[in-house]
PDB file of N, CA and C in Angstrom:
ATOM      1  N   UNK A   1     -43.857 -47.875   7.575  1.00  0.00           N
ATOM      2  CA  UNK A   1     -44.242 -47.836   5.792  1.00  0.00           C
ATOM      3  C   UNK A   1     -44.331 -46.854   5.898  1.00  0.00           C
ATOM      4  N   UNK A   2     -43.795 -46.306   4.207  1.00  0.00           N
ATOM      5  CA  UNK A   2     -44.201 -44.841   3.609  1.00  0.00           C
ATOM      6  C   UNK A   2     -44.911 -45.475   2.434  1.00  0.00           C
ATOM      7  N   UNK A   3     -45.617 -44.377   2.289  1.00  0.00           N
ATOM      8  CA  UNK A   3     -46.833 -44.702   0.736  1.00  0.00           C
ATOM      9  C   UNK A   3     -46.141 -44.360  -0.230  1.00  0.00           C
ATOM     10  N   UNK A   4     -46.625 -44.899  -1.449  1.00  0.00           N
ATOM     11  CA  UNK A   4     -45.913 -45.269  -2.932  1.00  0.00           C
ATOM     12  C   UNK A   4     -46.117 -44.033  -3.599  1.00  0.00           C
ATOM     13  N   UNK A   5     -47.660 -43.769  -3.219  1.00  0.00           N
ATOM     14  CA  UNK A   5     -48.411 -42.245  -4.539  1.00  0.00           C
ATOM     15  C   UNK A   5     -48.784 -41.147  -3.385  1.00  0.00           C
ATOM     16  N   UNK A   6     -48.924 -40.352  -3.991  1.00  0.00           N
ATOM     17  CA  UNK A   6     -49.671 -38.949  -3.085  1.00  0.00           C
ATOM     18  C   UNK A   6     -50.747 -39.567  -2.642  1.00  0.00           C
ATOM     19  N   UNK A   7     -51.068 -38.380  -1.748  1.00  0.00           N
ATOM     20  CA  UNK A   7     -52.504 -38.725  -1.063  1.00  0.00           C
ATOM     21  C   UNK A   7     -53.676 -38.035  -2.220  1.00  0.00           C
ATOM     22  N   UNK A   8     -53.286 -37.327  -3.022  1.00  0.00           N
ATOM     23  CA  UNK A   8     -54.432 -36.792  -3.971  1.00  0.00           C
ATOM     24  C   UNK A   8     -54.614 -37.939  -4.646  1.00  0.00           C
ATOM     25  N   UNK A   9     -53.438 -38.410  -5.368  1.00  0.00           N
ATOM     26  CA  UNK A   9     -53.233 -39.793  -6.534  1.00  0.00           C
ATOM     27  C   UNK A   9     -53.810 -40.914  -5.680  1.00  0.00           C
ATOM     28  N   UNK A  10     -54.046 -41.182  -4.301  1.00  0.00           N
ATOM     29  CA  UNK A  10     -54.626 -42.103  -3.877  1.00  0.00           C
ATOM     30  C   UNK A  10     -56.026 -42.058  -3.536  1.00  0.00           C
ATOM     31  N   UNK A  11     -56.270 -40.798  -3.098  1.00  0.00           N
ATOM     32  CA  UNK A  11     -57.916 -40.618  -3.481  1.00  0.00           C
ATOM     33  C   UNK A  11     -58.436 -40.368  -4.779  1.00  0.00           C
ATOM     34  N   UNK A  12     -57.822 -39.711  -5.797  1.00  0.00           N
ATOM     35  CA  UNK A  12     -58.248 -39.780  -6.719  1.00  0.00           C
ATOM     36  C   UNK A  12     -58.907 -41.357  -7.570  1.00  0.00           C
ATOM     37  N   UNK A  13     -58.128 -42.536  -7.255  1.00  0.00           N
ATOM     38  CA  UNK A  13     -57.744 -43.692  -7.526  1.00  0.00           C
ATOM     39  C   UNK A  13     -58.962 -43.881  -7.109  1.00  0.00           C
ATOM     40  N   UNK A  14     -59.017 -44.275  -5.725  1.00  0.00           N
ATOM     41  CA  UNK A  14     -60.110 -44.662  -4.851  1.00  0.00           C
ATOM     42  C   UNK A  14     -61.687 -44.071  -5.399  1.00  0.00           C
ATOM     43  N   UNK A  15     -62.064 -43.455  -6.151  1.00  0.00           N
ATOM     44  CA  UNK A  15     -63.004 -42.210  -6.154  1.00  0.00           C
ATOM     45  C   UNK A  15     -63.403 -43.217  -8.032  1.00  0.00           C
ATOM     46  N   UNK A  16     -62.175 -43.011  -8.429  1.00  0.00           N
ATOM     47  CA  UNK A  16     -62.577 -43.706 -10.307  1.00  0.00           C
ATOM     48  C   UNK A  16     -62.473 -44.975 -10.043  1.00  0.00           C
ATOM     49  N   UNK A  17     -61.815 -45.910  -9.279  1.00  0.00           N
ATOM     50  CA  UNK A  17     -62.374 -47.161  -8.793  1.00  0.00           C
ATOM     51  C   UNK A  17     -63.583 -47.420  -8.670  1.00  0.00           C
ATOM     52  N   UNK A  18     -64.002 -46.906  -7.590  1.00  0.00           N
ATOM     53  CA  UNK A  18     -65.371 -47.381  -7.224  1.00  0.00           C
ATOM     54  C   UNK A  18     -66.561 -46.908  -8.212  1.00  0.00           C
ATOM     55  N   UNK A  19     -66.277 -46.003  -9.125  1.00  0.00           N
ATOM     56  CA  UNK A  19     -67.156 -45.246 -10.558  1.00  0.00           C
ATOM     57  C   UNK A  19     -67.067 -46.669 -11.357  1.00  0.00           C
ATOM     58  N   UNK A  20     -65.939 -46.918 -12.072  1.00  0.00           N
ATOM     59  CA  UNK A  20     -65.548 -48.151 -12.773  1.00  0.00           C
ATOM     60  C   UNK A  20     -65.995 -49.313 -12.258  1.00  0.00           C
ATOM     61  N   UNK A  21     -66.143 -49.654 -10.818  1.00  0.00           N
ATOM     62  CA  UNK A  21     -66.874 -51.252 -10.347  1.00  0.00           C
ATOM     63  C   UNK A  21     -68.588 -50.881 -10.839  1.00  0.00           C
ATOM     64  N   UNK A  22     -68.597 -49.860 -10.122  1.00  0.00           N
ATOM     65  CA  UNK A  22     -70.493 -50.053 -10.233  1.00  0.00           C
ATOM     66  C   UNK A  22     -70.880 -49.822 -11.502  1.00  0.00           C
ATOM     67  N   UNK A  23     -70.066 -49.083 -12.567  1.00  0.00           N
ATOM     68  CA  UNK A  23     -71.050 -48.987 -13.860  1.00  0.00           C
ATOM     69  C   UNK A  23     -70.413 -50.265 -15.002  1.00  0.00           C
ATOM     70  N   UNK A  24     -68.709 -50.835 -14.488  1.00  0.00           N
ATOM     71  CA  UNK A  24     -68.851 -52.094 -15.170  1.00  0.00           C
ATOM     72  C   UNK A  24     -69.888 -53.235 -14.425  1.00  0.00           C
ATOM     73  N   UNK A  25     -69.647 -53.150 -13.394  1.00  0.00           N
ATOM     74  CA  UNK A  25     -70.934 -54.456 -12.826  1.00  0.00           C
ATOM     75  C   UNK A  25     -72.257 -54.214 -13.475  1.00  0.00           C
ATOM     76  N   UNK A  26     -72.740 -53.217 -13.655  1.00  0.00           N
ATOM     77  CA  UNK A  26     -73.960 -52.792 -14.460  1.00  0.00           C
ATOM     78  C   UNK A  26     -73.772 -53.327 -15.742  1.00  0.00           C
ATOM     79  N   UNK A  27     -72.994 -52.997 -16.430  1.00  0.00           N
ATOM     80  CA  UNK A  27     -72.963 -53.274 -18.127  1.00  0.00           C
ATOM     81  C   UNK A  27     -72.744 -54.700 -17.846  1.00  0.00           C
ATOM     82  N   UNK A  28     -71.811 -55.523 -17.139  1.00  0.00           N
ATOM     83  CA  UNK A  28     -71.558 -56.979 -17.280  1.00  0.00           C
ATOM     84  C   UNK A  28     -72.818 -57.758 -16.728  1.00  0.00           C
ATOM     85  N   UNK A  29     -73.543 -57.261 -15.824  1.00  0.00           N
ATOM     86  CA  UNK A  29     -74.807 -58.041 -15.487  1.00  0.00           C
ATOM     87  C   UNK A  29     -75.568 -57.843 -16.521  1.00  0.00           C
ATOM     88  N   UNK A  30     -75.682 -56.548 -17.508  1.00  0.00           N
ATOM     89  CA  UNK A  30     -76.778 -56.776 -18.587  1.00  0.00           C
ATOM     90  C   UNK A  30     -76.466 -57.648 -20.145  1.00  0.00           C
ATOM     91  N   UNK A  31     -75.228 -57.697 -19.756  1.00  0.00           N
ATOM     92  CA  UNK A  31     -74.534 -58.697 -20.996  1.00  0.00           C
ATOM     93  C   UNK A  31     -74.870 -60.404 -20.551  1.00  0.00           C
ATOM     94  N   UNK A  32     -74.612 -60.523 -19.103  1.00  0.00           N
ATOM     95  CA  UNK A  32     -74.858 -61.605 -18.797  1.00  0.00           C
ATOM     96  C   UNK A  32     -76.403 -62.206 -18.675  1.00  0.00           C
ATOM     97  N   UNK A  33     -77.277 -61.259 -18.498  1.00  0.00           N
ATOM     98  CA  UNK A  33     -78.618 -61.522 -18.773  1.00  0.00           C
ATOM     99  C   UNK A  33     -79.379 -61.760 -19.887  1.00  0.00           C
ATOM    100  N   UNK A  34     -78.567 -61.106 -20.872  1.00  0.00           N
ATOM    101  CA  UNK A  34     -78.519 -60.919 -22.397  1.00  0.00           C
ATOM    102  C   UNK A  34     -80.501 -59.801 -22.682  1.00  0.00           C
ATOM    103  N   UNK A  35     -79.610 -58.586 -21.877  1.00  0.00           N
ATOM    104  CA  UNK A  35     -80.740 -57.544 -21.708  1.00  0.00           C
ATOM    105  C   UNK A  35     -80.985 -57.039 -23.177  1.00  0.00           C
ATOM    106  N   UNK A  36     -82.166 -56.538 -23.602  1.00  0.00           N
ATOM    107  CA  UNK A  36     -81.932 -56.230 -24.973  1.00  0.00           C
ATOM    108  C   UNK A  36     -81.176 -55.281 -25.673  1.00  0.00           C
ATOM    109  N   UNK A  37     -81.076 -54.138 -24.746  1.00  0.00           N
ATOM    110  CA  UNK A  37     -80.079 -53.250 -24.904  1.00  0.00           C
ATOM    111  C   UNK A  37     -78.711 -53.532 -25.095  1.00  0.00           C
ATOM    112  N   UNK A  38     -78.235 -54.459 -24.806  1.00  0.00           N
ATOM    113  CA  UNK A  38     -76.865 -55.065 -25.196  1.00  0.00           C
ATOM    114  C   UNK A  38     -76.949 -55.630 -26.192  1.00  0.00           C
ATOM    115  N   UNK A  39     -77.937 -56.949 -26.013  1.00  0.00           N
ATOM    116  CA  UNK A  39     -77.774 -57.598 -27.473  1.00  0.00           C
ATOM    117  C   UNK A  39     -78.806 -57.656 -28.305  1.00  0.00           C
ATOM    118  N   UNK A  40     -79.311 -56.826 -28.653  1.00  0.00           N
ATOM    119  CA  UNK A  40     -80.657 -56.354 -29.401  1.00  0.00           C
ATOM    120  C   UNK A  40     -80.106 -56.053 -30.907  1.00  0.00           C
ATOM    121  N   UNK A  41     -79.014 -55.527 -31.053  1.00  0.00           N
ATOM    122  CA  UNK A  41     -78.850 -54.935 -32.635  1.00  0.00           C
ATOM    123  C   UNK A  41     -78.166 -56.354 -33.112  1.00  0.00           C
ATOM    124  N   UNK A  42     -77.882 -56.357 -34.664  1.00  0.00           N
ATOM    125  CA  UNK A  42     -77.704 -56.963 -35.343  1.00  0.00           C
ATOM    126  C   UNK A  42     -75.597 -57.279 -35.703  1.00  0.00           C
ATOM    127  N   UNK A  43     -75.236 -55.848 -34.671  1.00  0.00           N
ATOM    128  CA  UNK A  43     -73.713 -55.591 -34.779  1.00  0.00           C
ATOM    129  C   UNK A  43     -73.346 -56.139 -33.144  1.00  0.00           C
ATOM    130  N   UNK A  44     -74.427 -56.176 -32.358  1.00  0.00           N
ATOM    131  CA  UNK A  44     -73.958 -56.659 -30.868  1.00  0.00           C
ATOM    132  C   UNK A  44     -73.301 -58.237 -30.946  1.00  0.00           C
ATOM    133  N   UNK A  45     -72.654 -58.396 -29.774  1.00  0.00           N
ATOM    134  CA  UNK A  45     -72.101 -59.776 -30.010  1.00  0.00           C
ATOM    135  C   UNK A  45     -72.998 -60.999 -29.774  1.00  0.00           C
ATOM    136  N   UNK A  46     -72.537 -62.191 -29.993  1.00  0.00           N
ATOM    137  CA  UNK A  46     -73.653 -63.001 -30.404  1.00  0.00           C
ATOM    138  C   UNK A  46     -73.324 -64.053 -28.821  1.00  0.00           C
ATOM    139  N   UNK A  47     -72.438 -64.181 -28.155  1.00  0.00           N
ATOM    140  CA  UNK A  47     -72.194 -64.721 -26.702  1.00  0.00           C
ATOM    141  C   UNK A  47     -72.170 -63.737 -25.737  1.00  0.00           C
ATOM    142  N   UNK A  48     -73.069 -63.150 -25.111  1.00  0.00           N
ATOM    143  CA  UNK A  48     -73.317 -62.482 -23.595  1.00  0.00           C
ATOM    144  C   UNK A  48     -72.493 -62.415 -22.786  1.00  0.00           C
ATOM    145  N   UNK A  49     -71.948 -64.143 -22.814  1.00  0.00           N
ATOM    146  CA  UNK A  49     -71.475 -64.929 -21.135  1.00  0.00           C
ATOM    147  C   UNK A  49     -70.152 -64.530 -21.367  1.00  0.00           C
ATOM    148  N   UNK A  50     -69.803 -64.457 -22.305  1.00  0.00           N
ATOM    149  CA  UNK A  50     -68.120 -64.750 -22.877  1.00  0.00           C
ATOM    150  C   UNK A  50     -67.795 -62.987 -22.607  1.00  0.00           C
ATOM    151  N   UNK A  51     -68.751 -62.109 -23.062  1.00  0.00           N
ATOM    152  CA  UNK A  51     -68.554 -60.446 -22.817  1.00  0.00           C
ATOM    153  C   UNK A  51     -68.862 -60.140 -21.469  1.00  0.00           C
ATOM    154  N   UNK A  52     -69.635 -61.133 -20.943  1.00  0.00           N
ATOM    155  CA  UNK A  52     -69.658 -60.138 -19.469  1.00  0.00           C
ATOM    156  C   UNK A  52     -68.715 -60.910 -18.346  1.00  0.00           C
ATOM    157  N   UNK A  53     -68.026 -62.254 -18.856  1.00  0.00           N
ATOM    158  CA  UNK A  53     -67.041 -62.701 -18.154  1.00  0.00           C
ATOM    159  C   UNK A  53     -65.481 -61.437 -17.947  1.00  0.00           C
ATOM    160  N   UNK A  54     -65.334 -61.082 -19.787  1.00  0.00           N
ATOM    161  CA  UNK A  54     -64.541 -60.026 -19.731  1.00  0.00           C
ATOM    162  C   UNK A  54     -64.640 -58.699 -18.949  1.00  0.00           C
ATOM    163  N   UNK A  55     -65.723 -58.474 -18.818  1.00  0.00           N
ATOM    164  CA  UNK A  55     -66.062 -57.054 -18.363  1.00  0.00           C
ATOM    165  C   UNK A  55     -66.032 -57.396 -16.883  1.00  0.00           C
ATOM    166  N   UNK A  56     -66.414 -58.471 -15.858  1.00  0.00           N
ATOM    167  CA  UNK A  56     -66.102 -58.998 -14.877  1.00  0.00           C
ATOM    168  C   UNK A  56     -64.650 -58.964 -14.392  1.00  0.00           C
ATOM    169  N   UNK A  57     -64.141 -59.527 -15.489  1.00  0.00           N
ATOM    170  CA  UNK A  57     -62.397 -59.552 -15.135  1.00  0.00           C
ATOM    171  C   UNK A  57     -61.852 -57.875 -15.154  1.00  0.00           C
ATOM    172  N   UNK A  58     -62.348 -57.224 -15.741  1.00  0.00           N
ATOM    173  CA  UNK A  58     -61.969 -55.529 -15.572  1.00  0.00           C
ATOM    174  C   UNK A  58     -62.195 -55.076 -14.121  1.00  0.00           C
ATOM    175  N   UNK A  59     -63.639 -55.566 -14.000  1.00  0.00           N
ATOM    176  CA  UNK A  59     -64.182 -55.315 -12.415  1.00  0.00           C
ATOM    177  C   UNK A  59     -62.861 -55.770 -11.154  1.00  0.00           C
ATOM    178  N   UNK A  60     -62.679 -56.533 -11.507  1.00  0.00           N
ATOM    179  CA  UNK A  60     -61.635 -57.530 -10.648  1.00  0.00           C
ATOM    180  C   UNK A  60     -60.460 -56.531 -10.348  1.00  0.00           C
ATOM    181  N   UNK A  61     -60.499 -56.215 -11.558  1.00  0.00           N
ATOM    182  CA  UNK A  61     -58.735 -55.416 -12.005  1.00  0.00           C
ATOM    183  C   UNK A  61     -58.835 -54.070 -11.051  1.00  0.00           C
ATOM    184  N   UNK A  62     -60.159 -53.389 -11.262  1.00  0.00           N
ATOM    185  CA  UNK A  62     -60.382 -52.295 -10.390  1.00  0.00           C
ATOM    186  C   UNK A  62     -60.226 -52.708  -9.406  1.00  0.00           C
ATOM    187  N   UNK A  63     -60.977 -53.615  -8.501  1.00  0.00           N
ATOM    188  CA  UNK A  63     -61.237 -53.827  -7.395  1.00  0.00           C
ATOM    189  C   UNK A  63     -59.703 -54.291  -6.295  1.00  0.00           C
ATOM    190  N   UNK A  64     -58.829 -54.382  -6.992  1.00  0.00           N
ATOM    191  CA  UNK A  64     -57.424 -54.631  -6.692  1.00  0.00           C
ATOM    192  C   UNK A  64     -56.744 -53.283  -6.607  1.00  0.00           C
ATOM    193  N   UNK A  65     -56.894 -52.458  -7.886  1.00  0.00           N
ATOM    194  CA  UNK A  65     -56.954 -51.249  -7.358  1.00  0.00           C
ATOM    195  C   UNK A  65     -56.904 -50.364  -6.173  1.00  0.00           C
ATOM    196  N   UNK A  66     -58.545 -50.397  -6.154  1.00  0.00           N
ATOM    197  CA  UNK A  66     -59.185 -49.967  -4.943  1.00  0.00           C
ATOM    198  C   UNK A  66     -58.461 -50.305  -3.959  1.00  0.00           C
ATOM    199  N   UNK A  67     -58.124 -51.676  -3.618  1.00  0.00           N
ATOM    200  CA  UNK A  67     -57.418 -52.058  -2.458  1.00  0.00           C
ATOM    201  C   UNK A  67     -56.451 -51.375  -2.383  1.00  0.00           C
ATOM    202  N   UNK A  68     -55.455 -51.648  -3.504  1.00  0.00           N
ATOM    203  CA  UNK A  68     -53.818 -50.870  -3.268  1.00  0.00           C
ATOM    204  C   UNK A  68     -54.406 -49.131  -3.056  1.00  0.00           C
ATOM    205  N   UNK A  69     -55.292 -48.453  -3.626  1.00  0.00           N
ATOM    206  CA  UNK A  69     -55.763 -47.186  -3.276  1.00  0.00           C
ATOM    207  C   UNK A  69     -55.693 -46.731  -1.957  1.00  0.00           C
ATOM    208  N   UNK A  70     -56.465 -47.875  -1.278  1.00  0.00           N
ATOM    209  CA  UNK A  70     -57.286 -47.472  -0.178  1.00  0.00           C
ATOM    210  C   UNK A  70     -56.125 -47.498   1.209  1.00  0.00           C
ATOM    211  N   UNK A  71     -55.125 -48.950   0.698  1.00  0.00           N
ATOM    212  CA  UNK A  71     -53.951 -48.707   1.272  1.00  0.00           C
ATOM    213  C   UNK A  71     -53.180 -47.740   1.549  1.00  0.00           C
ATOM    214  N   UNK A  72     -53.404 -47.189   0.530  1.00  0.00           N
ATOM    215  CA  UNK A  72     -52.188 -45.724   0.477  1.00  0.00           C
ATOM    216  C   UNK A  72     -52.893 -44.890   1.133  1.00  0.00           C
ATOM    217  N   UNK A  73     -54.115 -44.252   0.755  1.00  0.00           N
ATOM    218  CA  UNK A  73     -54.841 -43.642   1.766  1.00  0.00           C
ATOM    219  C   UNK A  73     -54.683 -43.900   2.796  1.00  0.00           C
ATOM    220  N   UNK A  74     -54.717 -45.121   3.738  1.00  0.00           N
ATOM    221  CA  UNK A  74     -54.637 -45.197   5.183  1.00  0.00           C
ATOM    222  C   UNK A  74     -52.962 -44.955   5.706  1.00  0.00           C
ATOM    223  N   UNK A  75     -52.159 -45.343   4.545  1.00  0.00           N
ATOM    224  CA  UNK A  75     -51.012 -44.910   4.735  1.00  0.00           C
ATOM    225  C   UNK A  75     -50.622 -43.201   5.356  1.00  0.00           C
ATOM    226  N   UNK A  76     -51.108 -42.696   4.458  1.00  0.00           N
ATOM    227  CA  UNK A  76     -51.293 -41.286   4.644  1.00  0.00           C
ATOM    228  C   UNK A  76     -51.963 -40.824   5.713  1.00  0.00           C
ATOM    229  N   UNK A  77     -53.031 -41.564   5.900  1.00  0.00           N
ATOM    230  CA  UNK A  77     -53.832 -40.830   7.326  1.00  0.00           C
ATOM    231  C   UNK A  77     -53.245 -40.846   8.281  1.00  0.00           C
ATOM    232  N   UNK A  78     -52.620 -42.228   8.236  1.00  0.00           N
ATOM    233  CA  UNK A  78     -51.748 -42.915   9.563  1.00  0.00           C
ATOM    234  C   UNK A  78     -50.376 -41.955   9.721  1.00  0.00           C
ATOM    235  N   UNK A  79     -49.843 -41.622   8.849  1.00  0.00           N
ATOM    236  CA  UNK A  79     -48.520 -40.946   9.064  1.00  0.00           C
ATOM    237  C   UNK A  79     -48.872 -39.505   8.863  1.00  0.00           C
ATOM    238  N   UNK A  80     -50.090 -38.881   8.915  1.00  0.00           N
ATOM    239  CA  UNK A  80     -50.783 -37.648   9.766  1.00  0.00           C
ATOM    240  C   UNK A  80     -50.708 -37.329  10.720  1.00  0.00           C
ATOM    241  N   UNK A  81     -51.364 -38.562  11.266  1.00  0.00           N
ATOM    242  CA  UNK A  81     -51.930 -38.373  12.688  1.00  0.00           C
ATOM    243  C   UNK A  81     -50.464 -39.000  13.589  1.00  0.00           C
ATOM    244  N   UNK A  82     -49.346 -39.209  12.884  1.00  0.00           N
ATOM    245  CA  UNK A  82     -48.258 -39.576  13.938  1.00  0.00           C
ATOM    246  C   UNK A  82     -47.522 -38.326  14.197  1.00  0.00           C
ATOM    247  N   UNK A  83     -47.602 -37.131  13.309  1.00  0.00           N
ATOM    248  CA  UNK A  83     -47.122 -35.826  13.476  1.00  0.00           C
ATOM    249  C   UNK A  83     -45.931 -35.764  12.442  1.00  0.00           C
ATOM    250  N   UNK A  84     -45.635 -36.314  11.372  1.00  0.00           N
ATOM    251  CA  UNK A  84     -44.223 -36.193  11.329  1.00  0.00           C
ATOM    252  C   UNK A  84     -44.218 -35.112  10.021  1.00  0.00           C
ATOM    253  N   UNK A  85     -42.576 -34.735   9.989  1.00  0.00           N
ATOM    254  CA  UNK A  85     -42.825 -33.428   9.431  1.00  0.00           C
ATOM    255  C   UNK A  85     -42.771 -33.725   7.912  1.00  0.00           C
ATOM    256  N   UNK A  86     -43.447 -33.360   6.985  1.00  0.00           N
ATOM    257  CA  UNK A  86     -43.371 -33.328   5.539  1.00  0.00           C
ATOM    258  C   UNK A  86     -42.474 -32.615   4.857  1.00  0.00           C
ATOM    259  N   UNK A  87     -41.475 -32.896   4.471  1.00  0.00           N
ATOM    260  CA  UNK A  87     -40.553 -31.996   3.656  1.00  0.00           C
ATOM    261  C   UNK A  87     -40.976 -32.124   1.962  1.00  0.00           C
ATOM    262  N   UNK A  88     -41.482 -30.859   1.664  1.00  0.00           N
ATOM    263  CA  UNK A  88     -41.902 -31.003   0.048  1.00  0.00           C
ATOM    264  C   UNK A  88     -41.567 -29.994  -0.439  1.00  0.00           C
TER     265      UNK A  88
END
């Protein structure tokens, strides 16, 4: 099976996805618990649970990106080990 994206793009996507999962999980957990930094102002949303659900939905999307990019990086590593000649 051949990779669909380049190795650079696959590894970049892995780094960005992991960073987004960590940051969005922290933000979502603060909304879910009603933390005062997220829910304390008059301009903040009234229902933190709905916002947390949307943020955790984004975490799931980034987790899918992470799985795809990890599989692409694995295919690049396997292709490199097999000794194929890359024409660039």
